[in-house]
Structure formats: structure tokens, C-alpha cells
Amino acid sequence: MLWSGRERAEAAWNESKNVRLCSLFILAARQLARLESLGQPIELADLFIGCAALGRGMTLVTWNVEHFRRIEGLRVVTPREILG
């Protein structure tokens, strides 16, 4: 079967989404294992939000700074810090 350019592009896009999703799960698993070994449980929603930001090199802006600062390597700031 010959693939058109559009089909190849869609297949490549889907593959890149799968790789990013796997990277997120691996990063989250490592962070979760580290936090659990330290006796610091974290809500799964917070874990995935933080790891999504971390994996993309983004700063997380939240009022819930203490929860997210436990995620190693994640930059966390409050809205007040952004607005001055």
C-alpha cells in the first residue's frame, strides 16, 4: 500500500504524540517513586500536571506552591510573583 504525504504526516504526528505521552508517564513514575521513598505522597492529578510542565520546560504558576515544589526540577511560582 502506498501512503500519501498526508497519511505519512498523520502517522508521524501520532507517533510523536505517543512518544511524548510515554515520556510523561516515565517522568511521572520516577517522580512518584522518589516522593514515595521520601514518605511524601502526592495526588496523581498534581503529579501529572507538574510533570507535564516539567517535561516541556515550562514554569508552573499556581497558588498551591508547596505541593508542586516537591517535584524535583520543576519551576513553580505564584501568580503574585508574576504580577508583582
N, C-alpha and C. Protein backbone atom coordinates (compact mmCIF):
# COMPACT_ATOMS: atom_id res chain seq x y z
N MET A 1 0.84 -1.19 0.00
CA MET A 1 0.00 0.00 0.00
C MET A 1 0.88 1.24 0.00
N LEU A 2 0.60 2.16 -0.88
CA LEU A 2 1.33 3.41 -0.93
C LEU A 2 0.63 4.45 -0.06
N TRP A 3 1.41 5.12 0.74
CA TRP A 3 0.84 6.15 1.60
C TRP A 3 0.99 7.51 0.93
N SER A 4 -0.02 8.31 1.07
CA SER A 4 0.08 9.68 0.57
C SER A 4 0.90 10.50 1.57
N GLY A 5 1.29 11.68 1.16
CA GLY A 5 2.03 12.57 2.05
C GLY A 5 1.24 12.88 3.31
N ARG A 6 -0.06 13.05 3.17
CA ARG A 6 -0.90 13.35 4.32
C ARG A 6 -0.93 12.17 5.29
N GLU A 7 -1.05 10.96 4.78
CA GLU A 7 -1.08 9.78 5.64
C GLU A 7 0.25 9.61 6.38
N ARG A 8 1.35 9.85 5.68
CA ARG A 8 2.67 9.76 6.34
C ARG A 8 2.79 10.81 7.43
N ALA A 9 2.33 12.02 7.15
CA ALA A 9 2.40 13.10 8.13
C ALA A 9 1.54 12.77 9.35
N GLU A 10 0.35 12.24 9.12
CA GLU A 10 -0.52 11.87 10.24
C GLU A 10 0.10 10.74 11.07
N ALA A 11 0.70 9.78 10.42
CA ALA A 11 1.35 8.68 11.14
C ALA A 11 2.51 9.20 11.97
N ALA A 12 3.29 10.11 11.42
CA ALA A 12 4.42 10.68 12.16
C ALA A 12 3.92 11.50 13.35
N TRP A 13 2.84 12.26 13.14
CA TRP A 13 2.26 13.06 14.23
C TRP A 13 1.77 12.15 15.35
N ASN A 14 1.06 11.09 15.00
CA ASN A 14 0.56 10.16 16.02
C ASN A 14 1.71 9.51 16.78
N GLU A 15 2.78 9.15 16.08
CA GLU A 15 3.94 8.55 16.72
C GLU A 15 4.58 9.53 17.70
N SER A 16 4.69 10.80 17.32
CA SER A 16 5.31 11.79 18.21
C SER A 16 4.44 12.01 19.45
N LYS A 17 3.11 11.96 19.30
CA LYS A 17 2.23 12.08 20.47
C LYS A 17 2.44 10.91 21.40
N ASN A 18 2.59 9.71 20.86
CA ASN A 18 2.81 8.52 21.69
C ASN A 18 4.12 8.62 22.44
N VAL A 19 5.16 9.12 21.79
CA VAL A 19 6.46 9.26 22.45
C VAL A 19 6.38 10.27 23.58
N ARG A 20 5.70 11.40 23.34
CA ARG A 20 5.55 12.41 24.40
C ARG A 20 4.76 11.86 25.57
N LEU A 21 3.71 11.09 25.29
CA LEU A 21 2.90 10.52 26.35
C LEU A 21 3.71 9.51 27.16
N CYS A 22 4.48 8.68 26.50
CA CYS A 22 5.34 7.72 27.21
C CYS A 22 6.37 8.45 28.06
N SER A 23 6.95 9.53 27.52
CA SER A 23 7.92 10.31 28.29
C SER A 23 7.28 10.89 29.54
N LEU A 24 6.04 11.36 29.42
CA LEU A 24 5.32 11.90 30.58
C LEU A 24 5.12 10.83 31.63
N PHE A 25 4.71 9.64 31.22
CA PHE A 25 4.48 8.55 32.18
C PHE A 25 5.78 8.13 32.87
N ILE A 26 6.87 8.08 32.12
CA ILE A 26 8.16 7.70 32.71
C ILE A 26 8.60 8.76 33.72
N LEU A 27 8.50 10.03 33.35
CA LEU A 27 8.87 11.12 34.25
C LEU A 27 8.01 11.08 35.51
N ALA A 28 6.71 10.89 35.35
CA ALA A 28 5.80 10.84 36.49
C ALA A 28 6.12 9.64 37.39
N ALA A 29 6.42 8.50 36.80
CA ALA A 29 6.74 7.31 37.59
C ALA A 29 8.00 7.53 38.43
N ARG A 30 9.00 8.16 37.82
CA ARG A 30 10.25 8.44 38.56
C ARG A 30 10.01 9.40 39.71
N GLN A 31 9.25 10.45 39.44
CA GLN A 31 8.96 11.43 40.49
C GLN A 31 8.13 10.79 41.61
N LEU A 32 7.15 9.98 41.23
CA LEU A 32 6.31 9.32 42.23
C LEU A 32 7.14 8.38 43.10
N ALA A 33 8.00 7.61 42.49
CA ALA A 33 8.86 6.70 43.25
C ALA A 33 9.74 7.47 44.23
N ARG A 34 10.31 8.58 43.76
CA ARG A 34 11.17 9.40 44.62
C ARG A 34 10.38 9.96 45.80
N LEU A 35 9.21 10.52 45.51
CA LEU A 35 8.39 11.11 46.58
C LEU A 35 7.91 10.06 47.58
N GLU A 36 7.51 8.90 47.07
CA GLU A 36 7.06 7.84 47.97
C GLU A 36 8.20 7.33 48.84
N SER A 37 9.41 7.28 48.29
CA SER A 37 10.55 6.83 49.08
C SER A 37 10.89 7.83 50.19
N LEU A 38 10.51 9.07 49.98
CA LEU A 38 10.72 10.11 50.99
C LEU A 38 9.54 10.23 51.94
N GLY A 39 8.50 9.41 51.71
CA GLY A 39 7.30 9.48 52.55
C GLY A 39 6.48 10.73 52.28
N GLN A 40 6.51 11.21 51.04
CA GLN A 40 5.78 12.42 50.65
C GLN A 40 4.79 12.11 49.54
N PRO A 41 3.64 11.55 49.87
CA PRO A 41 2.66 11.22 48.83
C PRO A 41 2.19 12.48 48.10
N ILE A 42 1.76 12.29 46.87
CA ILE A 42 1.27 13.41 46.07
C ILE A 42 0.04 12.94 45.30
N GLU A 43 -0.91 13.82 45.14
CA GLU A 43 -2.10 13.50 44.34
C GLU A 43 -1.67 13.24 42.90
N LEU A 44 -2.27 12.23 42.26
CA LEU A 44 -1.89 11.90 40.89
C LEU A 44 -2.15 13.06 39.93
N ALA A 45 -3.24 13.80 40.14
CA ALA A 45 -3.51 14.95 39.26
C ALA A 45 -2.38 15.97 39.37
N ASP A 46 -1.94 16.27 40.59
CA ASP A 46 -0.84 17.22 40.78
C ASP A 46 0.44 16.68 40.15
N LEU A 47 0.68 15.40 40.31
CA LEU A 47 1.87 14.78 39.74
C LEU A 47 1.90 14.95 38.22
N PHE A 48 0.80 14.64 37.56
CA PHE A 48 0.79 14.72 36.10
C PHE A 48 0.80 16.16 35.60
N ILE A 49 0.14 17.07 36.31
CA ILE A 49 0.20 18.49 35.92
C ILE A 49 1.64 18.98 36.03
N GLY A 50 2.28 18.69 37.15
CA GLY A 50 3.65 19.12 37.35
C GLY A 50 4.61 18.50 36.37
N CYS A 51 4.46 17.22 36.11
CA CYS A 51 5.36 16.53 35.18
C CYS A 51 5.14 16.98 33.74
N ALA A 52 3.91 17.32 33.39
CA ALA A 52 3.66 17.85 32.04
C ALA A 52 4.40 19.16 31.85
N ALA A 53 4.35 20.03 32.85
CA ALA A 53 5.08 21.30 32.78
C ALA A 53 6.59 21.05 32.76
N LEU A 54 7.06 20.18 33.64
CA LEU A 54 8.49 19.87 33.73
C LEU A 54 9.01 19.30 32.42
N GLY A 55 8.28 18.38 31.85
CA GLY A 55 8.69 17.74 30.61
C GLY A 55 8.79 18.69 29.43
N ARG A 56 8.06 19.77 29.48
CA ARG A 56 8.09 20.76 28.40
C ARG A 56 8.96 21.97 28.75
N GLY A 57 9.60 21.91 29.91
CA GLY A 57 10.48 23.01 30.31
C GLY A 57 9.73 24.27 30.69
N MET A 58 8.49 24.11 31.15
CA MET A 58 7.66 25.25 31.49
C MET A 58 7.70 25.54 32.98
N THR A 59 7.38 26.77 33.35
CA THR A 59 7.20 27.16 34.74
C THR A 59 5.74 26.99 35.08
N LEU A 60 5.44 26.40 36.23
CA LEU A 60 4.06 26.21 36.67
C LEU A 60 3.66 27.38 37.55
N VAL A 61 2.55 28.01 37.22
CA VAL A 61 2.03 29.13 38.00
C VAL A 61 0.82 28.61 38.78
N THR A 62 0.91 28.67 40.11
CA THR A 62 -0.14 28.11 40.95
C THR A 62 -0.10 28.76 42.33
N TRP A 63 -1.24 28.73 43.02
CA TRP A 63 -1.26 29.14 44.43
C TRP A 63 -0.83 27.97 45.31
N ASN A 64 -0.87 26.77 44.79
CA ASN A 64 -0.54 25.56 45.55
C ASN A 64 0.95 25.23 45.42
N VAL A 65 1.78 26.17 45.78
CA VAL A 65 3.22 26.06 45.56
C VAL A 65 3.83 24.88 46.32
N GLU A 66 3.45 24.68 47.55
CA GLU A 66 4.09 23.64 48.38
C GLU A 66 3.91 22.24 47.81
N HIS A 67 2.75 21.95 47.24
CA HIS A 67 2.54 20.63 46.63
C HIS A 67 3.50 20.42 45.46
N PHE A 68 3.59 21.40 44.59
CA PHE A 68 4.33 21.24 43.35
C PHE A 68 5.84 21.40 43.52
N ARG A 69 6.28 22.10 44.54
CA ARG A 69 7.73 22.27 44.74
C ARG A 69 8.41 20.94 45.08
N ARG A 70 7.64 19.95 45.46
CA ARG A 70 8.22 18.64 45.75
C ARG A 70 8.63 17.89 44.49
N ILE A 71 8.15 18.35 43.33
CA ILE A 71 8.52 17.72 42.06
C ILE A 71 9.88 18.26 41.67
N GLU A 72 10.87 17.39 41.73
CA GLU A 72 12.26 17.77 41.50
C GLU A 72 12.47 18.35 40.11
N GLY A 73 13.06 19.56 40.07
CA GLY A 73 13.38 20.20 38.80
C GLY A 73 12.31 21.11 38.26
N LEU A 74 11.12 21.09 38.84
CA LEU A 74 10.00 21.91 38.36
C LEU A 74 10.12 23.32 38.90
N ARG A 75 10.03 24.31 38.02
CA ARG A 75 9.99 25.71 38.45
C ARG A 75 8.55 26.06 38.77
N VAL A 76 8.32 26.57 39.99
CA VAL A 76 6.98 26.89 40.45
C VAL A 76 6.96 28.31 40.98
N VAL A 77 5.98 29.10 40.56
CA VAL A 77 5.81 30.46 41.06
C VAL A 77 4.33 30.70 41.33
N THR A 78 4.05 31.71 42.15
CA THR A 78 2.65 32.10 42.39
C THR A 78 2.25 33.18 41.40
N PRO A 79 0.96 33.37 41.19
CA PRO A 79 0.52 34.47 40.32
C PRO A 79 1.01 35.82 40.84
N ARG A 80 1.09 35.95 42.14
CA ARG A 80 1.58 37.21 42.72
C ARG A 80 3.01 37.50 42.27
N GLU A 81 3.83 36.47 42.18
CA GLU A 81 5.21 36.65 41.72
C GLU A 81 5.26 37.10 40.26
N ILE A 82 4.31 36.66 39.48
CA ILE A 82 4.27 37.02 38.06
C ILE A 82 3.77 38.46 37.91
N LEU A 83 2.73 38.81 38.66
CA LEU A 83 2.09 40.11 38.51
C LEU A 83 2.79 41.22 39.28
N GLY A 84 3.61 40.82 40.25
CA GLY A 84 4.37 41.81 41.02
C GLY A 84 3.65 42.28 42.18
